[in-house]
Every structure is written in C-alpha cells, then in structure tokens.
C-alpha cells in the first residue's frame, strides 16, 4: 500500500503541478484550434494566458504559501535539553549531485545551516537525518542519506553523532523508518524542515507518537510590505509549486490517516492550563 501511495502521488502531481497545468491547457487550446473549435479554444487560451500573466506579474502564490509558513514559528526560547535533532531530507539536489559526482544543495539547503547551528548549541545531541530518494527513477541509488552524511560532516558535525535513515521516500516514511532509530523513543526532538512543510511533518510525527518541537527554515514567501508587481515568473513559481503541492499533500495525508489533522495546529493541547502556558511562553518579546 505504501508503494502504491508513493507512485500515485508522483503520477498525480505530474498532472496537478501548476506549471504543468498551464502547458496542458495551452496544448488543449491548440488541439481545439486544430479541430476548428474556435470559440472553445479562445476560452481555454484566453483564460490560460490571463492566469499565466497574473502568476508572472505578481506573487499571488504568497497567499497560498504564507498560511503554511506561519503555522509554526521558531521557538522564542529553545529547550535546555533535547534528545536529538531530526533533519528531514529535501535540501539536497540529488539529480545534480549524481550527475556531477558532487554534493549539491537545492532550495532547502537552509536545513543544513540550521542543523549546524543546533548541533553547536546541543553538542551532545545526536543529529538524525531521514531521507532516501523521492524520485521514482532514482530508487536504486544511495539517495539523500549518503549525500547528507558527507554534507553534515563537511559543515563540522562529528560523524559519530549522526544517525542516517536513507530508505524513506516521503514524509510519512521519514517518521516510520526513523522512529525505531531514535535514541529515546519517548524523547523530545527538534524537527528541522522547510517552513511550508512543517505542518504536514508535525502532523505525521504526532500521528506516529514522536514528540517534536518545530524549527522551521527555508522560507519562500514575501512579507506584505515587500510584495509588489515585479514580473518575476521564476521567483513566483518557487513559492507556487511547493505551496500548491503542500496543500494537496496535507489533504491526501489526512484522508489516508497519516496526520492527526487536516492542518495540524502548533500545539497539542491537553487542557486549557497547558494551552495558556504554551501561548504565554511563545509570545514575542
């Protein structure tokens, strides 16, 4: 069932990706023209052209991305003691790394910077990396785990502190395969991943009984005062593609019982007293 879920998610995303949808719509409009269905073709092409122009001209994608990125804030004060630092894979560029036989980082490379910072703050805490290959065509490689080990040691983390899980292909499997490797199963861990991905990651962790505190990095959206008409299609797609994918992922994970909620909240409240204390502790200074 996990294999089917993984393959279906990749196949469906090929048709649901915003960039791909635009191309498919253009192809459909062109096909209608070839059939001399001028009116239908105009509707498709005019609508697609307008949407493409809006995506290029203004970062509307921020309105999809910001709710994801603001759901979990970095802790105002870090805990005195933790049992480990969990870093989710995704900061690596696996294809380019394999193509050029070098360790290449992608847009999520901030995960490694955060791992280095936290490793210094907690010198005795193990650093747990989890991630194999999320690409269907690259399942017979050493995946992200091998890259991560080299990268983490290069940035100064002792290899003796590393716990590497390299079989997982998605967020659900990240925690499924990592949980048995945790030094203390009921311990408290800092979770490092991209801010937009944090709600789903925390939801999966809670569902599998792994206690984590979110440490989000790799923000993709603009603040309100910096959001302008700038005609930067590539920059806007860097937010639109992952945001759209993440909302789909949250829905799919919730429907299949892989997360505790459709849009997991920052805290799992046990009672009103706990809620009041947590909210007070995390208020900005």
Protein backbone atom coordinates (compact mmCIF):
# COMPACT_ATOMS: atom_id res chain seq x y z
CA UNK A 1 0.00 0.00 0.00
CA UNK A 2 2.87 2.40 0.78
CA UNK A 3 4.38 1.70 -2.65
CA UNK A 4 1.05 2.42 -4.34
CA UNK A 5 0.65 5.67 -2.38
CA UNK A 6 4.15 6.77 -3.35
CA UNK A 7 3.74 6.01 -7.06
CA UNK A 8 0.24 7.54 -7.25
CA UNK A 9 1.45 10.73 -5.58
CA UNK A 10 4.15 11.15 -8.24
CA UNK A 11 1.83 10.36 -11.16
CA UNK A 12 -0.94 12.68 -9.95
CA UNK A 13 1.49 15.52 -9.28
CA UNK A 14 2.59 15.39 -12.91
CA UNK A 15 -0.95 16.46 -13.80
CA UNK A 16 -1.57 18.79 -10.85
CA UNK A 17 1.63 20.84 -10.90
CA UNK A 18 0.69 24.47 -11.72
CA UNK A 19 3.44 24.78 -14.33
CA UNK A 20 2.36 21.54 -15.99
CA UNK A 21 -1.30 22.55 -15.87
CA UNK A 22 -0.50 25.72 -17.81
CA UNK A 23 1.29 23.71 -20.50
CA UNK A 24 -1.52 21.14 -20.68
CA UNK A 25 -4.08 23.95 -21.03
CA UNK A 26 -2.10 25.52 -23.87
CA UNK A 27 -1.86 22.15 -25.60
CA UNK A 28 -5.59 21.61 -25.16
CA UNK A 29 -6.36 25.04 -26.58
CA UNK A 30 -4.11 24.37 -29.55
CA UNK A 31 -5.78 20.99 -30.09
CA UNK A 32 -9.21 22.67 -30.10
CA UNK A 33 -7.94 25.12 -32.70
CA UNK A 34 -6.84 22.22 -34.90
CA UNK A 35 -10.42 20.91 -34.72
CA UNK A 36 -11.68 24.35 -35.76
CA UNK A 37 -13.48 24.76 -32.43
CA UNK A 38 -12.57 28.40 -32.31
CA UNK A 39 -14.90 29.54 -29.54
CA UNK A 40 -13.85 26.77 -27.11
CA UNK A 41 -10.19 27.29 -27.98
CA UNK A 42 -10.45 31.02 -27.27
CA UNK A 43 -11.96 30.36 -23.85
CA UNK A 44 -9.17 27.98 -22.90
CA UNK A 45 -6.33 30.10 -24.33
CA UNK A 46 -7.63 33.44 -23.01
CA UNK A 47 -8.13 32.00 -19.52
CA UNK A 48 -4.71 30.32 -19.53
CA UNK A 49 -2.99 33.47 -20.83
CA UNK A 50 -4.60 35.63 -18.16
CA UNK A 51 -3.70 33.24 -15.34
CA UNK A 52 -0.15 32.91 -16.65
CA UNK A 53 0.22 36.68 -16.79
CA UNK A 54 -1.03 37.08 -13.21
CA UNK A 55 1.34 34.40 -11.93
CA UNK A 56 4.23 36.12 -13.71
CA UNK A 57 3.33 39.69 -12.72
CA UNK A 58 2.54 39.45 -9.00
CA UNK A 59 3.41 36.99 -6.21
CA UNK A 60 -0.16 35.78 -5.66
CA UNK A 61 1.43 32.47 -4.67
CA UNK A 62 2.32 34.08 -1.33
CA UNK A 63 -1.33 33.85 -0.31
CA UNK A 64 -1.09 30.06 -0.59
CA UNK A 65 2.36 29.89 0.99
CA UNK A 66 2.06 32.24 3.95
CA UNK A 67 -0.54 30.24 5.93
CA UNK A 68 1.76 27.22 5.69
CA UNK A 69 4.91 29.10 6.68
CA UNK A 70 3.30 31.00 9.55
CA UNK A 71 1.61 27.96 11.09
CA UNK A 72 4.69 27.03 13.12
CA UNK A 73 7.05 29.75 14.31
CA UNK A 74 10.58 29.18 15.52
CA UNK A 75 10.64 28.79 19.32
CA UNK A 76 11.20 32.09 21.11
CA UNK A 77 13.39 30.17 23.54
CA UNK A 78 14.86 26.75 22.82
CA UNK A 79 14.57 23.97 25.40
CA UNK A 80 17.55 23.44 27.70
CA UNK A 81 17.79 19.76 26.83
CA UNK A 82 16.74 17.72 23.83
CA UNK A 83 17.25 14.09 22.89
CA UNK A 84 18.16 14.76 19.28
CA UNK A 85 17.84 16.92 16.16
CA UNK A 86 15.76 15.43 13.35
CA UNK A 87 16.55 16.85 9.90
CA UNK A 88 14.21 15.91 7.06
CA UNK A 89 15.75 15.33 3.64
CA UNK A 90 14.90 17.66 0.79
CA UNK A 91 17.69 20.19 0.98
CA UNK A 92 19.79 18.17 -1.45
CA UNK A 93 19.73 18.26 -5.23
CA UNK A 94 20.00 14.54 -5.85
CA UNK A 95 19.94 14.61 -9.66
CA UNK A 96 22.72 17.20 -9.98
CA UNK A 97 24.75 15.54 -7.26
CA UNK A 98 24.65 12.24 -9.12
CA UNK A 99 25.19 13.94 -12.49
CA UNK A 100 28.36 15.73 -11.41
CA UNK A 101 29.51 13.45 -8.58
CA UNK A 102 29.50 16.34 -6.10
CA UNK A 103 27.29 17.21 -3.14
CA UNK A 104 24.81 19.80 -4.40
CA UNK A 105 22.25 21.65 -2.27
CA UNK A 106 18.86 22.79 -3.54
CA UNK A 107 16.44 25.44 -2.34
CA UNK A 108 16.06 23.66 1.00
CA UNK A 109 19.76 23.90 1.83
CA UNK A 110 18.91 26.05 4.86
CA UNK A 111 18.12 22.80 6.63
CA UNK A 112 21.84 22.10 6.82
CA UNK A 113 22.66 25.55 8.17
CA UNK A 114 20.06 25.03 10.90
CA UNK A 115 21.43 21.56 11.65
CA UNK A 116 24.93 23.01 12.11
CA UNK A 117 23.65 25.79 14.38
CA UNK A 118 21.62 23.43 16.54
CA UNK A 119 24.44 20.88 16.69
CA UNK A 120 26.68 23.57 18.20
CA UNK A 121 24.01 24.60 20.70
CA UNK A 122 23.43 20.99 21.75
CA UNK A 123 26.89 19.38 21.48
CA UNK A 124 25.77 16.06 22.96
CA UNK A 125 22.57 15.64 20.96
CA UNK A 126 22.58 13.17 18.06
CA UNK A 127 21.76 14.56 14.62
CA UNK A 128 19.22 12.32 12.89
CA UNK A 129 18.87 12.70 9.14
CA UNK A 130 15.99 10.99 7.36
CA UNK A 131 15.58 10.82 3.60
CA UNK A 132 16.12 8.45 0.71
CA UNK A 133 15.07 9.32 -2.82
CA UNK A 134 11.72 10.92 -3.51
CA UNK A 135 12.17 10.33 -7.24
CA UNK A 136 10.63 7.24 -8.83
CA UNK A 137 13.50 6.95 -11.34
CA UNK A 138 16.25 7.15 -8.71
CA UNK A 139 15.31 4.43 -6.25
CA UNK A 140 18.44 2.33 -6.81
CA UNK A 141 20.92 4.95 -5.65
CA UNK A 142 22.31 5.70 -2.20
CA UNK A 143 19.82 8.58 -2.15
CA UNK A 144 19.84 11.64 0.02
CA UNK A 145 21.23 9.79 3.04
CA UNK A 146 24.70 9.34 1.54
CA UNK A 147 24.78 12.99 0.45
CA UNK A 148 23.60 14.12 3.86
CA UNK A 149 26.33 12.24 5.71
CA UNK A 150 29.02 13.94 3.63
CA UNK A 151 27.39 17.36 3.88
CA UNK A 152 26.79 17.17 7.63
CA UNK A 153 30.36 16.12 8.37
CA UNK A 154 31.67 18.82 5.99
CA UNK A 155 29.89 21.53 7.98
CA UNK A 156 31.52 20.31 11.16
CA UNK A 157 29.25 17.69 12.74
CA UNK A 158 31.12 14.67 14.08
CA UNK A 159 30.14 11.55 12.16
CA UNK A 160 29.79 9.70 15.49
CA UNK A 161 26.80 11.91 16.27
CA UNK A 162 24.99 11.07 13.05
CA UNK A 163 22.09 8.69 12.65
CA UNK A 164 21.26 8.31 8.96
CA UNK A 165 18.00 6.85 7.66
CA UNK A 166 18.07 6.52 3.87
CA UNK A 167 15.10 4.32 2.90
CA UNK A 168 12.23 6.80 3.22
CA UNK A 169 10.66 8.28 0.08
CA UNK A 170 8.19 10.74 1.62
CA UNK A 171 7.27 12.44 4.89
CA UNK A 172 5.22 9.53 6.18
CA UNK A 173 8.11 7.12 5.67
CA UNK A 174 10.55 9.63 7.20
CA UNK A 175 8.99 9.05 10.61
CA UNK A 176 8.00 5.43 10.01
CA UNK A 177 11.64 4.45 9.44
CA UNK A 178 13.20 6.94 11.83
CA UNK A 179 11.15 6.11 14.91
CA UNK A 180 12.92 2.75 15.54
CA UNK A 181 16.30 4.54 15.25
CA UNK A 182 15.57 7.22 17.85
CA UNK A 183 17.91 7.05 20.87
CA UNK A 184 14.90 7.53 23.18
CA UNK A 185 11.57 6.63 21.59
CA UNK A 186 9.59 8.82 24.01
CA UNK A 187 12.19 11.61 23.93
CA UNK A 188 11.91 15.22 22.84
CA UNK A 189 13.37 16.20 19.45
CA UNK A 190 13.86 19.36 17.47
CA UNK A 191 12.46 19.00 13.95
CA UNK A 192 14.17 20.84 11.09
CA UNK A 193 12.44 21.18 7.73
CA UNK A 194 11.15 23.87 5.37
CA UNK A 195 8.59 26.17 6.98
CA UNK A 196 5.91 25.39 4.41
CA UNK A 197 6.38 21.66 5.01
CA UNK A 198 6.30 21.87 8.81
CA UNK A 199 2.52 21.42 9.35
CA UNK A 200 2.47 18.10 7.49
CA UNK A 201 5.72 16.94 9.09
CA UNK A 202 4.49 17.70 12.61
CA UNK A 203 1.14 16.07 11.87
CA UNK A 204 2.88 12.85 10.80
CA UNK A 205 5.22 12.96 13.81
CA UNK A 206 2.27 13.29 16.19
CA UNK A 207 0.37 10.50 14.47
CA UNK A 208 3.36 8.20 14.98
CA UNK A 209 3.98 9.30 18.56
CA UNK A 210 7.24 11.19 18.01
CA UNK A 211 7.43 14.28 20.22
CA UNK A 212 8.91 17.19 18.28
CA UNK A 213 9.37 20.93 18.55
CA UNK A 214 9.26 22.68 15.19
CA UNK A 215 12.33 24.55 13.97
CA UNK A 216 11.26 25.84 10.53
CA UNK A 217 13.69 27.17 7.91
CA UNK A 218 13.73 27.84 4.15
CA UNK A 219 11.00 30.46 3.82
CA UNK A 220 9.69 31.08 0.29
CA UNK A 221 7.06 33.85 0.59
CA UNK A 222 7.45 37.63 0.80
CA UNK A 223 6.30 39.85 3.64
CA UNK A 224 3.34 42.11 2.91
CA UNK A 225 5.45 45.25 2.60
CA UNK A 226 7.80 43.59 0.05
CA UNK A 227 5.09 42.09 -2.13
CA UNK A 228 4.96 44.06 -5.39
CA UNK A 229 4.26 43.74 -9.10
CA UNK A 230 7.68 42.59 -10.28
CA UNK A 231 7.10 40.29 -13.30
CA UNK A 232 9.38 37.56 -11.95
CA UNK A 233 7.83 34.28 -13.07
CA UNK A 234 10.63 32.03 -11.81
CA UNK A 235 10.57 33.53 -8.32
CA UNK A 236 6.79 33.27 -8.09
CA UNK A 237 6.82 29.64 -9.19
CA UNK A 238 9.33 28.85 -6.41
CA UNK A 239 6.51 29.60 -3.99
CA UNK A 240 3.50 28.49 -6.04
CA UNK A 241 4.70 24.98 -6.88
CA UNK A 242 5.63 23.83 -3.35
CA UNK A 243 2.68 25.62 -1.73
CA UNK A 244 0.12 24.02 -4.06
CA UNK A 245 1.80 20.66 -3.65
CA UNK A 246 1.81 21.00 0.13
CA UNK A 247 -1.91 21.76 0.36
CA UNK A 248 -2.59 18.71 -1.78
CA UNK A 249 -0.24 16.68 0.41
CA UNK A 250 -1.94 17.81 3.61
CA UNK A 251 -5.32 16.76 2.21
CA UNK A 252 -4.07 13.39 0.97
CA UNK A 253 -2.26 12.61 4.22
CA UNK A 254 -5.29 13.49 6.31
CA UNK A 255 -7.67 11.45 4.14
CA UNK A 256 -5.39 8.41 4.43
CA UNK A 257 -4.91 8.78 8.19
CA UNK A 258 -1.25 9.75 8.07
CA UNK A 259 -1.67 13.01 10.01
CA UNK A 260 -3.59 13.97 13.13
CA UNK A 261 -5.45 16.86 11.46
CA UNK A 262 -6.05 18.40 8.05
CA UNK A 263 -3.99 21.46 9.06
CA UNK A 264 -2.13 20.49 12.24
CA UNK A 265 -2.06 23.31 14.83
CA UNK A 266 1.10 24.46 16.63
CA UNK A 267 0.22 22.66 19.86
CA UNK A 268 -1.47 19.50 21.01
CA UNK A 269 -3.45 20.84 23.93
CA UNK A 270 -4.06 18.53 26.85
CA UNK A 271 -6.05 21.08 28.83
CA UNK A 272 -6.75 24.82 28.98
CA UNK A 273 -3.94 25.38 31.51
CA UNK A 274 -1.36 23.83 29.15
CA UNK A 275 -2.65 25.96 26.30
CA UNK A 276 -2.37 29.17 28.32
CA UNK A 277 1.20 28.38 29.42
CA UNK A 278 2.36 27.48 25.90
CA UNK A 279 0.84 30.58 24.36
CA UNK A 280 2.45 32.78 27.01
CA UNK A 281 5.87 31.19 26.57
CA UNK A 282 5.84 31.71 22.81
CA UNK A 283 4.77 35.35 22.72
CA UNK A 284 7.37 37.61 21.01
CA UNK A 285 9.43 39.76 23.37
